[in-house]
């Protein structure tokens, strides 16, 4: 059974112990079912700055290994693979990491490389960070700032979880577009170090998580 983890950012190159425990248990279950543990690190930017992607791959792979995960194979999924290779890498992996970056850009690459259906079909452990966590939801709400102006882009995303999130959340500075969005949807604000875990229909909250509904922000974890 798939385990979905939506995160914002882990500071100090350290995954908090409670979240690390969830990852270890989910990875152990995935290994017991397949006999191996592979990581597919899905980039947000597929076709530019591969050296930047590789730096983040090394960082987050190391963070996962520090929690006790031991990978038999780990691969970066980006434009250095053909679409069929990228799809195969996702299908083969027991652990999939969806990177942070520009949210709609990442979604565009999911579509361009034919990754939407393989990601939807994944049955292991999937971890989304920032943009990746937004794109895991049924409805993505992405705030983008350009030239000092913030706009909100809303679109149907992977639909793996029902929890629409705003990473790097600041309860004292909520974008007007997000408040308006919350009048028709429930939005979860993820502070750094926090996570939402969805497993077997159960939703668990770790760290500082807020619920924004009908324009009202309430701390729930």
Protein backbone atom coordinates (compact mmCIF):
# COMPACT_ATOMS: atom_id res chain seq x y z
CA UNK A 1 0.00 0.00 0.00
CA UNK A 2 1.37 3.41 -0.95
CA UNK A 3 2.56 5.86 1.69
CA UNK A 4 2.53 9.53 0.67
CA UNK A 5 4.59 12.15 2.51
CA UNK A 6 4.19 15.87 1.77
CA UNK A 7 6.98 18.05 3.14
CA UNK A 8 8.17 21.64 2.95
CA UNK A 9 11.89 21.63 3.72
CA UNK A 10 14.22 19.98 6.23
CA UNK A 11 16.77 22.40 7.60
CA UNK A 12 20.24 21.50 8.84
CA UNK A 13 20.31 18.48 6.46
CA UNK A 14 18.38 16.46 9.02
CA UNK A 15 14.98 14.75 8.79
CA UNK A 16 13.15 15.06 12.14
CA UNK A 17 13.09 11.78 14.08
CA UNK A 18 9.31 11.25 14.03
CA UNK A 19 9.19 11.67 10.25
CA UNK A 20 12.32 9.53 9.83
CA UNK A 21 10.51 6.73 11.66
CA UNK A 22 7.64 6.87 9.18
CA UNK A 23 10.08 6.70 6.26
CA UNK A 24 11.96 3.72 7.71
CA UNK A 25 8.77 1.75 8.31
CA UNK A 26 7.39 2.49 4.83
CA UNK A 27 10.72 1.65 3.15
CA UNK A 28 11.01 -1.61 5.11
CA UNK A 29 7.53 -2.61 3.99
CA UNK A 30 8.34 -1.76 0.37
CA UNK A 31 11.56 -3.79 0.52
CA UNK A 32 9.74 -6.76 2.04
CA UNK A 33 7.33 -6.79 -0.88
CA UNK A 34 9.81 -6.41 -3.72
CA UNK A 35 13.07 -7.72 -2.26
CA UNK A 36 14.94 -4.51 -3.10
CA UNK A 37 14.92 -0.78 -2.43
CA UNK A 38 15.45 1.64 -5.31
CA UNK A 39 15.19 5.43 -5.26
CA UNK A 40 13.90 7.54 -8.15
CA UNK A 41 14.74 11.21 -7.55
CA UNK A 42 12.38 13.10 -9.85
CA UNK A 43 13.66 16.59 -10.61
CA UNK A 44 11.57 19.74 -10.90
CA UNK A 45 13.65 21.15 -13.77
CA UNK A 46 14.41 18.39 -16.26
CA UNK A 47 16.31 20.12 -19.04
CA UNK A 48 18.40 22.89 -17.49
CA UNK A 49 21.07 23.03 -14.75
CA UNK A 50 21.62 19.27 -14.31
CA UNK A 51 24.54 19.99 -11.99
CA UNK A 52 22.12 21.75 -9.60
CA UNK A 53 19.80 18.75 -9.72
CA UNK A 54 22.72 16.45 -8.93
CA UNK A 55 23.69 18.54 -5.90
CA UNK A 56 20.18 18.22 -4.48
CA UNK A 57 20.12 14.52 -5.33
CA UNK A 58 23.32 13.97 -3.35
CA UNK A 59 21.99 16.03 -0.42
CA UNK A 60 18.59 14.39 -0.09
CA UNK A 61 19.84 10.89 -0.80
CA UNK A 62 22.32 11.39 2.06
CA UNK A 63 19.53 12.65 4.32
CA UNK A 64 17.43 9.58 3.56
CA UNK A 65 20.37 7.28 4.18
CA UNK A 66 21.00 9.01 7.51
CA UNK A 67 17.53 7.86 8.60
CA UNK A 68 18.56 4.25 7.98
CA UNK A 69 17.39 3.72 4.38
CA UNK A 70 19.84 1.71 2.28
CA UNK A 71 19.28 1.85 -1.45
CA UNK A 72 20.30 -0.89 -3.84
CA UNK A 73 20.07 1.66 -6.63
CA UNK A 74 19.39 5.41 -6.84
CA UNK A 75 18.72 7.37 -10.02
CA UNK A 76 17.98 10.96 -11.02
CA UNK A 77 14.94 11.24 -13.26
CA UNK A 78 15.28 14.25 -15.56
CA UNK A 79 15.99 15.17 -19.16
CA UNK A 80 19.10 13.04 -19.30
CA UNK A 81 16.67 10.14 -19.62
CA UNK A 82 14.29 9.51 -22.49
CA UNK A 83 10.59 9.52 -21.56
CA UNK A 84 10.49 5.72 -21.60
CA UNK A 85 13.60 5.52 -19.40
CA UNK A 86 12.09 8.03 -16.95
CA UNK A 87 8.86 6.05 -16.80
CA UNK A 88 10.75 2.79 -16.21
CA UNK A 89 12.81 4.37 -13.42
CA UNK A 90 9.65 5.47 -11.60
CA UNK A 91 7.98 2.09 -12.08
CA UNK A 92 11.05 0.25 -10.80
CA UNK A 93 11.58 2.37 -7.69
CA UNK A 94 10.16 1.52 -4.28
CA UNK A 95 10.88 5.09 -3.12
CA UNK A 96 10.08 8.13 -5.27
CA UNK A 97 11.20 11.64 -4.33
CA UNK A 98 9.43 14.56 -6.03
CA UNK A 99 11.77 17.55 -5.83
CA UNK A 100 11.15 21.15 -4.95
CA UNK A 101 11.40 23.98 -7.44
CA UNK A 102 8.93 25.72 -9.73
CA UNK A 103 5.66 23.87 -9.28
CA UNK A 104 4.00 24.32 -12.71
CA UNK A 105 7.35 23.72 -14.43
CA UNK A 106 7.63 20.36 -12.70
CA UNK A 107 4.06 19.49 -13.64
CA UNK A 108 4.81 20.34 -17.26
CA UNK A 109 7.71 17.89 -17.26
CA UNK A 110 5.53 15.20 -15.68
CA UNK A 111 3.25 15.55 -18.69
CA UNK A 112 6.02 15.91 -21.29
CA UNK A 113 7.85 12.78 -20.09
CA UNK A 114 4.72 10.69 -19.60
CA UNK A 115 5.17 10.41 -15.84
CA UNK A 116 1.65 11.23 -14.68
CA UNK A 117 0.28 7.70 -14.93
CA UNK A 118 3.40 5.93 -13.56
CA UNK A 119 3.37 8.28 -10.57
CA UNK A 120 -0.34 7.68 -9.99
CA UNK A 121 0.24 3.92 -10.13
CA UNK A 122 3.14 3.91 -7.65
CA UNK A 123 2.53 1.66 -4.63
CA UNK A 124 5.61 2.29 -2.49
CA UNK A 125 6.82 5.33 -0.58
CA UNK A 126 6.49 8.72 -2.28
CA UNK A 127 7.95 11.87 -0.73
CA UNK A 128 7.17 15.29 -2.12
CA UNK A 129 9.16 18.34 -1.09
CA UNK A 130 7.77 21.83 -1.66
CA UNK A 131 6.72 21.84 -5.35
CA UNK A 132 6.63 18.05 -5.31
CA UNK A 133 4.25 18.05 -2.35
CA UNK A 134 1.95 20.52 -4.12
CA UNK A 135 1.84 18.37 -7.25
CA UNK A 136 0.90 15.25 -5.24
CA UNK A 137 -2.51 16.71 -4.41
CA UNK A 138 -5.80 16.36 -6.23
CA UNK A 139 -5.83 20.15 -6.60
CA UNK A 140 -2.56 22.06 -6.84
CA UNK A 141 -2.52 25.67 -5.65
CA UNK A 142 0.82 27.23 -6.53
CA UNK A 143 1.78 30.74 -5.50
CA UNK A 144 4.28 32.31 -7.88
CA UNK A 145 6.01 35.66 -7.35
CA UNK A 146 7.20 37.67 -10.34
CA UNK A 147 8.40 41.28 -10.26
CA UNK A 148 7.14 41.65 -6.70
CA UNK A 149 3.62 40.51 -7.56
CA UNK A 150 2.21 37.20 -6.30
CA UNK A 151 -0.30 35.22 -8.33
CA UNK A 152 -2.04 31.91 -7.68
CA UNK A 153 -2.23 29.10 -10.22
CA UNK A 154 -4.76 26.33 -9.54
CA UNK A 155 -4.89 23.13 -11.60
CA UNK A 156 -5.72 19.40 -11.28
CA UNK A 157 -2.58 17.52 -10.25
CA UNK A 158 -1.68 13.88 -9.49
CA UNK A 159 -4.60 13.25 -7.15
CA UNK A 160 -2.60 10.96 -4.87
CA UNK A 161 -3.80 12.79 -1.76
CA UNK A 162 -6.69 15.12 -0.97
CA UNK A 163 -4.51 17.52 1.02
CA UNK A 164 -3.69 20.68 -0.91
CA UNK A 165 -0.64 22.26 0.69
CA UNK A 166 1.25 25.53 0.84
CA UNK A 167 4.91 24.78 1.76
CA UNK A 168 7.20 27.22 3.61
CA UNK A 169 4.06 28.49 5.30
CA UNK A 170 4.05 31.72 7.30
CA UNK A 171 0.75 32.10 9.22
CA UNK A 172 1.45 35.82 9.65
CA UNK A 173 1.84 36.42 5.93
CA UNK A 174 -0.73 34.50 3.89
CA UNK A 175 -1.08 35.53 0.26
CA UNK A 176 -4.51 37.01 -0.53
CA UNK A 177 -4.95 34.48 -3.34
CA UNK A 178 -4.58 31.60 -0.88
CA UNK A 179 -7.15 33.12 1.46
CA UNK A 180 -9.57 33.42 -1.43
CA UNK A 181 -8.78 29.84 -2.51
CA UNK A 182 -9.60 28.65 1.02
CA UNK A 183 -13.20 29.82 0.65
CA UNK A 184 -13.85 26.90 -1.67
CA UNK A 185 -11.12 24.47 -0.59
CA UNK A 186 -9.30 23.40 2.55
CA UNK A 187 -5.64 24.43 2.43
CA UNK A 188 -2.92 23.04 4.68
CA UNK A 189 0.05 25.27 5.50
CA UNK A 190 3.29 23.31 5.94
CA UNK A 191 6.04 25.05 7.88
CA UNK A 192 9.61 23.88 7.34
CA UNK A 193 10.35 20.68 9.31
CA UNK A 194 6.68 19.66 9.04
CA UNK A 195 5.03 16.86 7.08
CA UNK A 196 1.66 15.37 6.24
CA UNK A 197 1.60 11.59 5.88
CA UNK A 198 -1.25 9.79 4.11
CA UNK A 199 -1.46 6.02 4.55
CA UNK A 200 -4.39 3.62 4.26
CA UNK A 201 -6.83 6.51 4.28
CA UNK A 202 -5.36 7.96 7.48
CA UNK A 203 -3.85 11.46 7.53
CA UNK A 204 -1.14 12.22 10.11
CA UNK A 205 0.45 15.58 10.86
CA UNK A 206 4.03 16.19 12.04
CA UNK A 207 5.55 19.50 13.06
CA UNK A 208 3.84 22.85 12.58
CA UNK A 209 0.86 22.42 10.25
CA UNK A 210 -1.99 24.90 9.79
CA UNK A 211 -5.45 24.59 8.29
CA UNK A 212 -6.77 27.52 6.27
CA UNK A 213 -10.50 27.31 5.60
CA UNK A 214 -12.98 30.05 4.72
CA UNK A 215 -10.25 32.62 5.19
CA UNK A 216 -9.47 31.50 8.76
CA UNK A 217 -6.05 30.07 9.70
CA UNK A 218 -5.91 27.55 12.56
CA UNK A 219 -2.90 25.61 13.86
CA UNK A 220 -3.70 21.89 13.95
CA UNK A 221 -0.30 20.34 14.74
